[in-house]
C-alpha atoms as a PDB file:
ATOM      1  CA  MET A   1      94.686 107.635 106.890  1.00  0.00           C
ATOM      2  CA  TRP A   2      91.249 106.534 108.016  1.00  0.00           C
ATOM      3  CA  SER A   3      92.531 105.328 111.386  1.00  0.00           C
ATOM      4  CA  LEU A   4      94.345 108.628 111.946  1.00  0.00           C
ATOM      5  CA  TYR A   5      91.160 110.511 111.125  1.00  0.00           C
ATOM      6  CA  LEU A   6      89.182 108.397 113.586  1.00  0.00           C
ATOM      7  CA  LYS A   7      91.790 108.807 116.308  1.00  0.00           C
ATOM      8  CA  PHE A   8      92.381 112.542 116.138  1.00  0.00           C
ATOM      9  CA  VAL A   9      89.153 113.959 114.713  1.00  0.00           C
ATOM     10  CA  GLU A  10      86.429 111.612 115.943  1.00  0.00           C
ATOM     11  CA  ASP A  11      88.328 110.525 119.099  1.00  0.00           C
ATOM     12  CA  ILE A  12      87.568 106.829 118.481  1.00  0.00           C
ATOM     13  CA  ASP A  13      90.138 104.176 119.359  1.00  0.00           C
ATOM     14  CA  PHE A  14      91.397 101.893 116.618  1.00  0.00           C
ATOM     15  CA  ASP A  15      90.372  98.838 118.655  1.00  0.00           C
ATOM     16  CA  ARG A  16      86.722  99.841 118.629  1.00  0.00           C
ATOM     17  CA  THR A  17      86.465  99.707 114.835  1.00  0.00           C
ATOM     18  CA  PRO A  18      86.270  96.706 112.475  1.00  0.00           C
ATOM     19  CA  LEU A  19      89.583  97.708 110.870  1.00  0.00           C
ATOM     20  CA  PRO A  20      91.832  95.274 112.832  1.00  0.00           C
ATOM     21  CA  GLU A  21      89.664  92.315 111.821  1.00  0.00           C
ATOM     22  CA  LEU A  22      89.620  93.519 108.226  1.00  0.00           C
ATOM     23  CA  ILE A  23      93.415  93.800 108.190  1.00  0.00           C
ATOM     24  CA  VAL A  24      93.809  90.262 109.535  1.00  0.00           C
ATOM     25  CA  ILE A  25      91.370  88.858 106.974  1.00  0.00           C
ATOM     26  CA  LEU A  26      93.094  90.650 104.089  1.00  0.00           C
ATOM     27  CA  VAL A  27      96.544  89.461 105.195  1.00  0.00           C
ATOM     28  CA  VAL A  28      95.323  85.855 105.416  1.00  0.00           C
ATOM     29  CA  VAL A  29      93.646  86.056 101.998  1.00  0.00           C
ATOM     30  CA  GLY A  30      96.787  87.588 100.481  1.00  0.00           C
ATOM     31  CA  PHE A  31      98.916  84.802 101.935  1.00  0.00           C
ATOM     32  CA  GLN A  32      96.522  82.203 100.506  1.00  0.00           C
ATOM     33  CA  PHE A  33      96.733  83.825  97.057  1.00  0.00           C
ATOM     34  CA  LEU A  34     100.520  83.771  97.290  1.00  0.00           C
ATOM     35  CA  LEU A  35     100.570  80.070  98.182  1.00  0.00           C
ATOM     36  CA  LEU A  36      98.015  79.268  95.471  1.00  0.00           C
ATOM     37  CA  GLY A  37     100.213  80.945  92.860  1.00  0.00           C
ATOM     38  CA  LEU A  38     103.289  79.120  94.134  1.00  0.00           C
ATOM     39  CA  PHE A  39     101.560  75.726  94.029  1.00  0.00           C
ATOM     40  CA  ALA A  40     100.173  76.450  90.551  1.00  0.00           C
ATOM     41  CA  GLU A  41     103.658  77.355  89.323  1.00  0.00           C
ATOM     42  CA  ILE A  42     105.100  74.136  90.752  1.00  0.00           C
ATOM     43  CA  ILE A  43     102.348  72.032  89.162  1.00  0.00           C
ATOM     44  CA  ILE A  44     102.750  73.711  85.777  1.00  0.00           C
ATOM     45  CA  ARG A  45     106.531  73.318  85.783  1.00  0.00           C
ATOM     46  CA  THR A  46     106.451  69.636  86.785  1.00  0.00           C
ATOM     47  CA  ASN A  47     103.777  68.778  84.218  1.00  0.00           C
ATOM     48  CA  SER A  48     105.381  70.752  81.393  1.00  0.00           C
ATOM     49  CA  LYS A  49     108.684  68.886  81.777  1.00  0.00           C
ATOM     50  CA  SER A  50     106.974  65.536  81.243  1.00  0.00           C
ATOM     51  CA  VAL A  51     105.030  66.915  78.259  1.00  0.00           C
ATOM     52  CA  HIS A  52     108.227  68.232  76.641  1.00  0.00           C
ATOM     53  CA  ARG A  53     109.921  64.861  77.127  1.00  0.00           C
ATOM     54  CA  GLU A  54     107.027  63.072  75.432  1.00  0.00           C
ATOM     55  CA  GLN A  55     106.960  65.550  72.544  1.00  0.00           C
ATOM     56  CA  SER A  56     110.696  65.354  71.962  1.00  0.00           C
ATOM     57  CA  SER A  57     110.573  61.550  71.832  1.00  0.00           C
ATOM     58  CA  ASP A  58     107.663  61.703  69.361  1.00  0.00           C
ATOM     59  CA  ILE A  59     109.633  64.067  67.110  1.00  0.00           C
ATOM     60  CA  LYS A  60     112.646  61.737  67.195  1.00  0.00           C
ATOM     61  CA  GLU A  61     110.440  58.805  66.198  1.00  0.00           C
ATOM     62  CA  VAL A  62     108.990  60.769  63.284  1.00  0.00           C
ATOM     63  CA  PHE A  63     112.445  61.674  61.960  1.00  0.00           C
ATOM     64  CA  GLU A  64     113.674  58.100  62.406  1.00  0.00           C
ATOM     65  CA  ASN A  65     110.741  56.758  60.394  1.00  0.00           C
ATOM     66  CA  LEU A  66     111.441  59.118  57.504  1.00  0.00           C
END
């Protein structure tokens, strides 16, 4: 909307504004957030599997000792 306003009302080209740089920065930051969430999910899933294995073996030992 803003770029259309600048183009048709103010007669300013889109290239002469800071909007293209802002768009590029926001796309890069969004991509980094996406990758950060993906890596966090992978780390949590790989660590939780080892924790569940340890807990299940501890529970088996407790029941065997009873």
